[in-house]
Amino acid sequence: RREVLGDAHVDRAQARQTPFTARFQDFISRYAWGEIWTDPTLTRRERSMITMTALVAHGHHDELAMHVRAARRNGLTPEEIGAVLLQSAVYCGVPAANSAFAVAQRALAEEPDAGGPGEPGAG
């Protein structure tokens, strides 16, 4: 989980954990990160692409921003992330992809060494 999302994200998630959310956090750590993301059948790059597409399809923008940053840690370039989002327009809809491009652009612009990609298409 730390390798994909980064120490800061995991530390924040753990700090926000309460007795009410503890079982859910354990579930995420155990199954999503302990079982799915560690399965060697797919690479982390492939898992990042799949995850971003699923998040676009369901409109989960906060999670998408987090996984755009994770995709960069997993070796995807901004151009590859853009290609994933462009393909998602065909299967998830143009409005969903338009929102996703805006979310991704903000996430990429937060990178310490880059200003992120150019403006997303306006729809």
C-alpha atoms as a PDB file:
ATOM      1  CA  ARG A   1       0.000   0.000   0.000  1.00  0.00           C
ATOM      2  CA  ARG A   2       2.786   2.415   0.883  1.00  0.00           C
ATOM      3  CA  GLU A   3       4.697   1.639  -2.314  1.00  0.00           C
ATOM      4  CA  VAL A   4       1.675   2.481  -4.466  1.00  0.00           C
ATOM      5  CA  LEU A   5       0.022   5.328  -2.535  1.00  0.00           C
ATOM      6  CA  GLY A   6       3.010   6.761  -0.700  1.00  0.00           C
ATOM      7  CA  ASP A   7       3.816   7.132   2.977  1.00  0.00           C
ATOM      8  CA  ALA A   8       1.978  10.438   3.404  1.00  0.00           C
ATOM      9  CA  HIS A   9      -1.333   9.042   2.156  1.00  0.00           C
ATOM     10  CA  VAL A  10      -1.133   5.886   4.260  1.00  0.00           C
ATOM     11  CA  ASP A  11      -0.092   7.855   7.344  1.00  0.00           C
ATOM     12  CA  ARG A  12      -3.075  10.212   6.891  1.00  0.00           C
ATOM     13  CA  ALA A  13      -5.466   7.271   6.453  1.00  0.00           C
ATOM     14  CA  GLN A  14      -4.151   5.610   9.595  1.00  0.00           C
ATOM     15  CA  ALA A  15      -4.355   8.855  11.573  1.00  0.00           C
ATOM     16  CA  ARG A  16      -8.022   9.286  10.573  1.00  0.00           C
ATOM     17  CA  GLN A  17      -8.909   5.733  11.564  1.00  0.00           C
ATOM     18  CA  THR A  18     -11.490   5.487  14.336  1.00  0.00           C
ATOM     19  CA  PRO A  19     -13.013   2.509  16.116  1.00  0.00           C
ATOM     20  CA  PHE A  20     -15.933   2.884  13.674  1.00  0.00           C
ATOM     21  CA  THR A  21     -13.700   2.700  10.553  1.00  0.00           C
ATOM     22  CA  ALA A  22     -11.058   0.273  11.859  1.00  0.00           C
ATOM     23  CA  ARG A  23     -12.655  -2.864  10.402  1.00  0.00           C
ATOM     24  CA  PHE A  24     -13.082  -1.187   7.013  1.00  0.00           C
ATOM     25  CA  GLN A  25      -9.444  -0.026   6.979  1.00  0.00           C
ATOM     26  CA  ASP A  26      -8.376  -3.557   7.883  1.00  0.00           C
ATOM     27  CA  PHE A  27     -10.558  -4.904   5.049  1.00  0.00           C
ATOM     28  CA  ILE A  28      -8.941  -2.534   2.528  1.00  0.00           C
ATOM     29  CA  SER A  29      -5.428  -3.323   3.734  1.00  0.00           C
ATOM     30  CA  ARG A  30      -5.995  -7.059   3.842  1.00  0.00           C
ATOM     31  CA  TYR A  31      -7.889  -7.615   0.585  1.00  0.00           C
ATOM     32  CA  ALA A  32      -7.351  -4.699  -1.794  1.00  0.00           C
ATOM     33  CA  TRP A  33      -3.691  -4.201  -0.941  1.00  0.00           C
ATOM     34  CA  GLY A  34      -2.730  -7.548   0.582  1.00  0.00           C
ATOM     35  CA  GLU A  35      -4.422  -9.784  -1.996  1.00  0.00           C
ATOM     36  CA  ILE A  36      -5.311  -7.927  -5.195  1.00  0.00           C
ATOM     37  CA  TRP A  37      -2.460  -5.443  -5.629  1.00  0.00           C
ATOM     38  CA  THR A  38       0.147  -8.079  -4.727  1.00  0.00           C
ATOM     39  CA  ASP A  39      -1.120 -10.722  -7.178  1.00  0.00           C
ATOM     40  CA  PRO A  40       1.723 -11.122  -9.715  1.00  0.00           C
ATOM     41  CA  THR A  41      -0.634 -11.894 -12.624  1.00  0.00           C
ATOM     42  CA  LEU A  42      -0.875  -8.192 -13.519  1.00  0.00           C
ATOM     43  CA  THR A  43       1.758  -5.494 -13.128  1.00  0.00           C
ATOM     44  CA  ARG A  44       1.178  -2.459 -10.965  1.00  0.00           C
ATOM     45  CA  ARG A  45       1.079  -0.364 -14.145  1.00  0.00           C
ATOM     46  CA  GLU A  46      -1.745  -2.530 -15.493  1.00  0.00           C
ATOM     47  CA  ARG A  47      -3.581  -2.409 -12.172  1.00  0.00           C
ATOM     48  CA  SER A  48      -3.284   1.379 -12.139  1.00  0.00           C
ATOM     49  CA  MET A  49      -4.816   1.619 -15.611  1.00  0.00           C
ATOM     50  CA  ILE A  50      -7.691  -0.693 -14.658  1.00  0.00           C
ATOM     51  CA  THR A  51      -8.298   1.147 -11.400  1.00  0.00           C
ATOM     52  CA  MET A  52      -8.355   4.587 -13.013  1.00  0.00           C
ATOM     53  CA  THR A  53     -10.871   3.387 -15.599  1.00  0.00           C
ATOM     54  CA  ALA A  54     -13.158   1.915 -12.939  1.00  0.00           C
ATOM     55  CA  LEU A  55     -12.982   5.139 -10.937  1.00  0.00           C
ATOM     56  CA  VAL A  56     -13.836   7.213 -14.026  1.00  0.00           C
ATOM     57  CA  ALA A  57     -16.793   4.940 -14.764  1.00  0.00           C
ATOM     58  CA  HIS A  58     -18.207   5.416 -11.288  1.00  0.00           C
ATOM     59  CA  GLY A  59     -17.345   9.112 -10.883  1.00  0.00           C
ATOM     60  CA  HIS A  60     -15.115   8.606  -7.845  1.00  0.00           C
ATOM     61  CA  HIS A  61     -13.035  11.750  -8.318  1.00  0.00           C
ATOM     62  CA  ASP A  62     -11.258  11.826  -4.948  1.00  0.00           C
ATOM     63  CA  GLU A  63     -10.111   8.254  -5.414  1.00  0.00           C
ATOM     64  CA  LEU A  64      -9.175   9.024  -9.043  1.00  0.00           C
ATOM     65  CA  ALA A  65      -6.822  11.832  -7.992  1.00  0.00           C
ATOM     66  CA  MET A  66      -5.161   9.492  -5.506  1.00  0.00           C
ATOM     67  CA  HIS A  67      -4.776   6.786  -8.155  1.00  0.00           C
ATOM     68  CA  VAL A  68      -3.415   9.218 -10.762  1.00  0.00           C
ATOM     69  CA  ARG A  69      -0.619   9.948  -8.289  1.00  0.00           C
ATOM     70  CA  ALA A  70      -0.261   6.200  -7.662  1.00  0.00           C
ATOM     71  CA  ALA A  71      -0.090   5.567 -11.412  1.00  0.00           C
ATOM     72  CA  ARG A  72       2.862   7.949 -11.631  1.00  0.00           C
ATOM     73  CA  ARG A  73       4.571   6.019  -8.804  1.00  0.00           C
ATOM     74  CA  ASN A  74       3.851   2.847 -10.763  1.00  0.00           C
ATOM     75  CA  GLY A  75       5.654   4.235 -13.811  1.00  0.00           C
ATOM     76  CA  LEU A  76       2.870   5.620 -16.005  1.00  0.00           C
ATOM     77  CA  THR A  77       3.667   8.833 -17.839  1.00  0.00           C
ATOM     78  CA  PRO A  78       1.208  11.726 -18.007  1.00  0.00           C
ATOM     79  CA  GLU A  79       0.701  10.816 -21.674  1.00  0.00           C
ATOM     80  CA  GLU A  80      -0.210   7.228 -20.770  1.00  0.00           C
ATOM     81  CA  ILE A  81      -2.603   8.444 -18.081  1.00  0.00           C
ATOM     82  CA  GLY A  82      -4.198  10.731 -20.674  1.00  0.00           C
ATOM     83  CA  ALA A  83      -4.545   7.807 -23.081  1.00  0.00           C
ATOM     84  CA  VAL A  84      -6.309   5.759 -20.389  1.00  0.00           C
ATOM     85  CA  LEU A  85      -8.709   8.637 -19.751  1.00  0.00           C
ATOM     86  CA  LEU A  86      -9.286   9.169 -23.470  1.00  0.00           C
ATOM     87  CA  GLN A  87     -10.166   5.511 -23.951  1.00  0.00           C
ATOM     88  CA  SER A  88     -12.478   5.743 -20.953  1.00  0.00           C
ATOM     89  CA  ALA A  89     -14.463   8.403 -22.833  1.00  0.00           C
ATOM     90  CA  VAL A  90     -15.562   5.723 -25.297  1.00  0.00           C
ATOM     91  CA  TYR A  91     -16.712   3.259 -22.638  1.00  0.00           C
ATOM     92  CA  CYS A  92     -17.632   5.524 -19.703  1.00  0.00           C
ATOM     93  CA  GLY A  93     -18.907   8.593 -21.540  1.00  0.00           C
ATOM     94  CA  VAL A  94     -17.456  11.919 -22.579  1.00  0.00           C
ATOM     95  CA  PRO A  95     -18.751  13.844 -19.521  1.00  0.00           C
ATOM     96  CA  ALA A  96     -17.144  11.300 -17.174  1.00  0.00           C
ATOM     97  CA  ALA A  97     -13.850  11.496 -19.050  1.00  0.00           C
ATOM     98  CA  ASN A  98     -13.993  15.299 -19.177  1.00  0.00           C
ATOM     99  CA  SER A  99     -14.295  15.419 -15.389  1.00  0.00           C
ATOM    100  CA  ALA A 100     -11.544  12.811 -15.086  1.00  0.00           C
ATOM    101  CA  PHE A 101      -9.162  14.872 -17.229  1.00  0.00           C
ATOM    102  CA  ALA A 102      -9.734  17.863 -14.937  1.00  0.00           C
ATOM    103  CA  VAL A 103      -9.083  15.754 -11.823  1.00  0.00           C
ATOM    104  CA  ALA A 104      -5.972  14.180 -13.353  1.00  0.00           C
ATOM    105  CA  GLN A 105      -4.614  17.524 -14.489  1.00  0.00           C
ATOM    106  CA  ARG A 106      -4.871  18.898 -10.948  1.00  0.00           C
ATOM    107  CA  ALA A 107      -3.221  15.772  -9.509  1.00  0.00           C
ATOM    108  CA  LEU A 108      -0.394  15.882 -12.049  1.00  0.00           C
ATOM    109  CA  ALA A 109       0.127  19.604 -11.463  1.00  0.00           C
ATOM    110  CA  GLU A 110       0.798  18.810  -7.792  1.00  0.00           C
ATOM    111  CA  GLU A 111       3.902  16.819  -8.740  1.00  0.00           C
ATOM    112  CA  PRO A 112       6.978  18.564  -7.367  1.00  0.00           C
ATOM    113  CA  ASP A 113       8.884  18.494 -10.670  1.00  0.00           C
ATOM    114  CA  ALA A 114       6.165  19.269 -13.191  1.00  0.00           C
ATOM    115  CA  GLY A 115       3.378  21.642 -14.005  1.00  0.00           C
ATOM    116  CA  GLY A 116       1.280  18.768 -15.340  1.00  0.00           C
ATOM    117  CA  PRO A 117      -0.128  18.332 -18.827  1.00  0.00           C
ATOM    118  CA  GLY A 118      -1.950  20.997 -20.846  1.00  0.00           C
ATOM    119  CA  GLU A 119      -5.581  21.981 -20.472  1.00  0.00           C
ATOM    120  CA  PRO A 120      -8.140  19.205 -20.692  1.00  0.00           C
ATOM    121  CA  GLY A 121     -10.768  19.394 -23.393  1.00  0.00           C
ATOM    122  CA  ALA A 122     -13.776  21.452 -22.445  1.00  0.00           C
ATOM    123  CA  GLY A 123     -17.035  19.655 -22.916  1.00  0.00           C
END
